[in-house]
């Protein structure tokens, strides 16, 4: 458990106050310190929507205890809305923005979340390789959403580059990248849990997609995978629940941590 960074995808949700995750009256500005009192790590989702600013991340790093880690999602201008002539400049801006987390030892990794339409074509393979080159020197985890990337050549290349393939737990739909419990980077495994709401996922409504509560049986099975398969293959582990809609993510995460603690 000491080598595991477990938490949720994002932490600033008003509905978590109503769900009892945060005390009544908790304001958005007070959520990060409250969250850091419960978990060792979080994913920063807002950096997907807007370029991170060094001053903002410096303030965030000052609000968490020593040892707390941030996984920072790469901004959409490098994954979903790529400017073919300006994306390298975007990478440089991103690297500058996250520098306070690097300097304070708070950076767990960069999460490169690729869209469902990012298929394995020669052009996109070239772009992903170039993007990873520009991110060289940073810890990087890549989450695919399209099944065309299930290929041994992809896994071998990730191993060569020491890039982490994200293990994606979600609905078992043929249009999605499947759950693969393999580790391509000895330094870090990364498990993202989106919930298994197949009907909600098909709806295209984000609130419905991630509205899911993992059962006790499912959490015990996940704990077994972490303890027996993913954990032994990497020095450090990252586990993030993204089923945030009604506060299920923090509740599921706490229960998973309890199960893992009981096994150790």
Protein backbone atom coordinates (compact mmCIF):
# COMPACT_ATOMS: atom_id res chain seq x y z
CA UNK A 1 0.00 0.00 0.00
CA UNK A 2 2.90 2.41 0.57
CA UNK A 3 3.70 2.25 -3.15
CA UNK A 4 0.11 2.89 -4.25
CA UNK A 5 -1.27 6.32 -5.11
CA UNK A 6 -5.05 5.96 -4.98
CA UNK A 7 -7.63 8.67 -5.42
CA UNK A 8 -10.24 10.09 -7.76
CA UNK A 9 -10.35 11.81 -11.11
CA UNK A 10 -10.84 15.39 -9.96
CA UNK A 11 -11.84 16.53 -6.49
CA UNK A 12 -13.83 19.75 -6.93
CA UNK A 13 -17.45 18.63 -7.23
CA UNK A 14 -20.28 20.57 -5.59
CA UNK A 15 -22.41 17.43 -5.44
CA UNK A 16 -19.85 15.81 -3.15
CA UNK A 17 -20.97 18.15 -0.39
CA UNK A 18 -24.55 16.89 -0.73
CA UNK A 19 -23.24 13.30 -0.88
CA UNK A 20 -21.41 13.76 2.43
CA UNK A 21 -17.91 13.43 0.99
CA UNK A 22 -17.10 16.96 2.19
CA UNK A 23 -18.59 18.62 5.28
CA UNK A 24 -21.65 20.80 4.77
CA UNK A 25 -20.71 24.31 3.68
CA UNK A 26 -17.36 23.33 2.13
CA UNK A 27 -16.43 25.86 -0.56
CA UNK A 28 -14.58 25.00 -3.76
CA UNK A 29 -11.44 26.76 -2.51
CA UNK A 30 -11.32 24.45 0.52
CA UNK A 31 -11.89 21.17 -1.31
CA UNK A 32 -8.28 20.32 -2.17
CA UNK A 33 -7.01 20.42 1.45
CA UNK A 34 -10.07 18.42 2.53
CA UNK A 35 -9.48 15.90 -0.24
CA UNK A 36 -5.76 15.61 0.58
CA UNK A 37 -6.76 14.59 4.09
CA UNK A 38 -8.45 11.49 2.64
CA UNK A 39 -6.27 10.41 -0.30
CA UNK A 40 -2.64 10.46 -1.44
CA UNK A 41 -3.20 11.57 -5.03
CA UNK A 42 -5.61 13.07 -7.51
CA UNK A 43 -5.98 13.55 -11.24
CA UNK A 44 -6.19 17.16 -12.37
CA UNK A 45 -9.00 17.27 -14.91
CA UNK A 46 -9.13 21.02 -15.39
CA UNK A 47 -5.80 20.98 -17.21
CA UNK A 48 -7.54 19.17 -20.08
CA UNK A 49 -9.82 22.17 -20.57
CA UNK A 50 -7.22 24.89 -20.10
CA UNK A 51 -3.45 25.21 -20.14
CA UNK A 52 -2.00 24.90 -16.61
CA UNK A 53 -0.41 28.01 -15.13
CA UNK A 54 2.69 27.71 -13.00
CA UNK A 55 1.41 30.13 -10.37
CA UNK A 56 -1.84 28.18 -9.91
CA UNK A 57 -0.10 24.84 -9.55
CA UNK A 58 2.40 26.36 -7.15
CA UNK A 59 -0.52 27.39 -4.92
CA UNK A 60 -2.06 23.92 -5.20
CA UNK A 61 1.20 22.21 -4.25
CA UNK A 62 1.33 24.38 -1.13
CA UNK A 63 -2.10 23.12 -0.01
CA UNK A 64 -1.26 19.42 0.17
CA UNK A 65 0.89 17.42 2.60
CA UNK A 66 4.31 16.05 1.77
CA UNK A 67 4.06 12.95 -0.37
CA UNK A 68 0.81 13.92 -2.08
CA UNK A 69 0.90 13.41 -5.87
CA UNK A 70 -0.84 14.96 -8.87
CA UNK A 71 -1.52 13.24 -12.16
CA UNK A 72 -1.95 16.05 -14.69
CA UNK A 73 -4.14 15.51 -17.74
CA UNK A 74 -2.59 16.81 -20.95
CA UNK A 75 -4.50 19.77 -22.40
CA UNK A 76 -6.98 19.00 -25.20
CA UNK A 77 -5.03 21.13 -27.68
CA UNK A 78 -2.55 18.24 -27.80
CA UNK A 79 -5.01 15.33 -27.80
CA UNK A 80 -8.45 16.30 -29.12
CA UNK A 81 -8.11 19.67 -30.87
CA UNK A 82 -4.60 19.44 -32.27
CA UNK A 83 -3.21 22.34 -34.26
CA UNK A 84 -0.81 20.68 -36.67
CA UNK A 85 1.33 23.80 -36.85
CA UNK A 86 1.27 24.83 -33.20
CA UNK A 87 1.11 21.76 -30.99
CA UNK A 88 4.83 21.76 -30.16
CA UNK A 89 4.45 25.26 -28.77
CA UNK A 90 1.53 23.96 -26.70
CA UNK A 91 3.75 21.23 -25.24
CA UNK A 92 6.34 23.82 -24.22
CA UNK A 93 3.66 25.93 -22.52
CA UNK A 94 2.33 22.84 -20.74
CA UNK A 95 5.77 21.84 -19.49
CA UNK A 96 6.34 25.33 -18.17
CA UNK A 97 2.95 25.33 -16.44
CA UNK A 98 3.52 22.07 -14.54
CA UNK A 99 7.09 22.92 -13.50
CA UNK A 100 6.10 23.70 -9.87
CA UNK A 101 4.87 20.13 -9.45
CA UNK A 102 8.13 18.78 -10.82
CA UNK A 103 10.17 21.07 -8.60
CA UNK A 104 8.30 20.11 -5.43
CA UNK A 105 8.19 16.37 -6.16
CA UNK A 106 4.39 16.41 -6.42
CA UNK A 107 4.16 15.20 -10.03
CA UNK A 108 3.03 11.60 -10.41
CA UNK A 109 2.73 11.65 -14.20
CA UNK A 110 1.22 13.26 -17.28
CA UNK A 111 -2.00 11.57 -18.40
CA UNK A 112 -2.44 11.59 -22.17
CA UNK A 113 -6.11 10.74 -22.71
CA UNK A 114 -6.76 10.16 -26.40
CA UNK A 115 -10.28 10.45 -27.89
CA UNK A 116 -12.39 7.54 -29.21
CA UNK A 117 -11.86 8.69 -32.80
CA UNK A 118 -8.06 8.57 -32.43
CA UNK A 119 -7.61 5.38 -34.44
CA UNK A 120 -4.33 3.68 -35.21
CA UNK A 121 -3.56 5.19 -38.59
CA UNK A 122 -0.04 5.96 -39.91
CA UNK A 123 -0.60 9.69 -39.43
CA UNK A 124 -1.76 9.30 -35.82
CA UNK A 125 1.00 6.83 -35.01
CA UNK A 126 3.51 9.41 -36.23
CA UNK A 127 1.85 12.15 -34.20
CA UNK A 128 1.77 10.09 -30.99
CA UNK A 129 5.46 9.21 -31.40
CA UNK A 130 6.31 12.87 -31.93
CA UNK A 131 4.21 13.91 -28.93
CA UNK A 132 5.97 11.38 -26.70
CA UNK A 133 9.31 12.69 -27.98
CA UNK A 134 8.33 16.22 -26.91
CA UNK A 135 7.24 14.94 -23.49
CA UNK A 136 10.48 13.02 -23.04
CA UNK A 137 11.90 13.24 -19.54
CA UNK A 138 8.46 13.40 -17.93
CA UNK A 139 6.61 10.38 -16.54
CA UNK A 140 3.82 9.71 -19.06
CA UNK A 141 0.76 7.45 -19.09
CA UNK A 142 -1.37 7.01 -22.21
CA UNK A 143 -5.05 6.08 -22.21
CA UNK A 144 -6.49 4.83 -25.49
CA UNK A 145 -10.21 4.83 -26.16
CA UNK A 146 -10.19 3.05 -29.54
CA UNK A 147 -9.54 -0.72 -29.78
CA UNK A 148 -7.34 -0.42 -32.88
CA UNK A 149 -4.43 0.34 -30.54
CA UNK A 150 -4.48 -3.19 -29.12
CA UNK A 151 -1.29 -4.28 -30.85
CA UNK A 152 1.96 -5.84 -29.68
CA UNK A 153 3.99 -3.20 -31.54
CA UNK A 154 2.33 -0.50 -29.44
CA UNK A 155 3.12 -2.30 -26.20
CA UNK A 156 6.73 -2.99 -27.22
CA UNK A 157 7.23 0.68 -28.13
CA UNK A 158 5.81 1.80 -24.79
CA UNK A 159 8.16 -0.58 -23.00
CA UNK A 160 11.11 0.82 -24.98
CA UNK A 161 10.13 4.38 -24.08
CA UNK A 162 9.16 3.56 -20.45
CA UNK A 163 5.67 4.91 -21.13
CA UNK A 164 2.77 3.56 -19.07
CA UNK A 165 -0.21 2.00 -20.84
CA UNK A 166 -3.30 2.91 -18.82
CA UNK A 167 -5.41 -0.06 -17.76
CA UNK A 168 -8.96 1.07 -18.49
CA UNK A 169 -11.85 -0.35 -16.51
CA UNK A 170 -15.13 0.56 -18.18
CA UNK A 171 -18.11 -0.93 -19.98
CA UNK A 172 -17.25 -3.97 -22.06
CA UNK A 173 -18.34 -2.40 -25.34
CA UNK A 174 -16.65 -3.47 -28.61
CA UNK A 175 -16.15 0.16 -29.63
CA UNK A 176 -13.96 0.88 -26.60
CA UNK A 177 -10.36 0.00 -25.78
CA UNK A 178 -10.61 -3.16 -23.68
CA UNK A 179 -9.41 -3.80 -20.17
CA UNK A 180 -5.80 -5.01 -20.42
CA UNK A 181 -4.02 -5.84 -17.18
CA UNK A 182 -0.54 -5.45 -18.58
CA UNK A 183 2.33 -3.22 -17.46
CA UNK A 184 4.56 -1.55 -20.04
CA UNK A 185 6.56 0.61 -17.62
CA UNK A 186 8.33 -0.94 -14.68
CA UNK A 187 8.21 2.37 -12.84
CA UNK A 188 4.43 2.86 -12.86
CA UNK A 189 1.17 1.04 -13.51
CA UNK A 190 -1.96 3.15 -13.95
CA UNK A 191 -5.53 1.94 -13.47
CA UNK A 192 -8.46 4.22 -14.35
CA UNK A 193 -11.92 3.13 -13.27
CA UNK A 194 -14.74 4.73 -15.24
CA UNK A 195 -17.55 2.48 -14.03
CA UNK A 196 -19.33 -0.17 -16.06
CA UNK A 197 -22.52 1.62 -17.03
CA UNK A 198 -22.93 0.35 -20.60
CA UNK A 199 -26.31 1.98 -21.12
CA UNK A 200 -25.08 5.31 -19.78
CA UNK A 201 -21.97 5.16 -21.95
CA UNK A 202 -24.05 4.62 -25.09
CA UNK A 203 -26.15 7.68 -24.21
CA UNK A 204 -23.21 10.03 -24.75
CA UNK A 205 -24.30 11.96 -21.64
CA UNK A 206 -21.29 12.41 -19.35
CA UNK A 207 -23.38 12.44 -16.19
CA UNK A 208 -24.91 9.09 -17.17
CA UNK A 209 -21.66 7.61 -18.45
CA UNK A 210 -19.90 7.83 -15.11
CA UNK A 211 -22.90 7.13 -12.89
CA UNK A 212 -21.85 3.79 -11.44
CA UNK A 213 -21.17 2.27 -8.05
CA UNK A 214 -18.70 -0.61 -7.90
CA UNK A 215 -19.99 -3.55 -5.88
CA UNK A 216 -18.10 -5.23 -3.05
CA UNK A 217 -17.46 -8.22 -5.30
CA UNK A 218 -16.08 -5.99 -8.06
CA UNK A 219 -13.83 -4.09 -5.65
CA UNK A 220 -12.42 -7.31 -4.23
CA UNK A 221 -11.68 -8.54 -7.74
CA UNK A 222 -9.93 -5.25 -8.52
CA UNK A 223 -7.90 -5.53 -5.32
CA UNK A 224 -6.82 -8.99 -6.42
CA UNK A 225 -5.69 -7.68 -9.79
CA UNK A 226 -3.70 -4.90 -8.14
CA UNK A 227 -2.08 -7.24 -5.60
CA UNK A 228 -1.35 -10.16 -7.91
CA UNK A 229 -0.89 -8.76 -11.42
CA UNK A 230 -0.31 -5.01 -11.69
CA UNK A 231 1.42 -4.33 -8.38
CA UNK A 232 4.22 -6.91 -8.66
CA UNK A 233 5.11 -5.63 -12.15
CA UNK A 234 5.77 -1.98 -11.20
CA UNK A 235 7.57 0.04 -8.57
CA UNK A 236 4.61 2.39 -8.05
CA UNK A 237 0.91 2.15 -8.76
CA UNK A 238 -1.76 4.73 -9.58
CA UNK A 239 -5.46 3.96 -9.17
CA UNK A 240 -8.07 6.61 -9.93
CA UNK A 241 -11.86 6.30 -9.82
CA UNK A 242 -13.72 8.42 -12.37
CA UNK A 243 -17.29 7.45 -11.38
CA UNK A 244 -17.71 10.81 -9.71
CA UNK A 245 -21.34 11.72 -10.44
CA UNK A 246 -22.93 11.07 -7.05
CA UNK A 247 -19.84 10.72 -4.91
CA UNK A 248 -19.34 7.04 -5.74
CA UNK A 249 -15.68 7.56 -6.64
CA UNK A 250 -14.36 8.55 -3.19
CA UNK A 251 -16.53 5.94 -1.47
CA UNK A 252 -15.35 3.19 -3.81
CA UNK A 253 -11.73 4.34 -3.46
CA UNK A 254 -11.84 4.29 0.33
CA UNK A 255 -13.33 0.80 0.29
CA UNK A 256 -10.69 -0.46 -2.16
CA UNK A 257 -7.94 0.92 0.06
CA UNK A 258 -9.48 -0.87 3.05
CA UNK A 259 -9.60 -4.16 1.15
CA UNK A 260 -5.98 -3.82 0.04
CA UNK A 261 -4.89 -2.92 3.58
CA UNK A 262 -6.61 -6.02 4.94
CA UNK A 263 -4.75 -8.18 2.40
CA UNK A 264 -1.30 -6.83 3.33
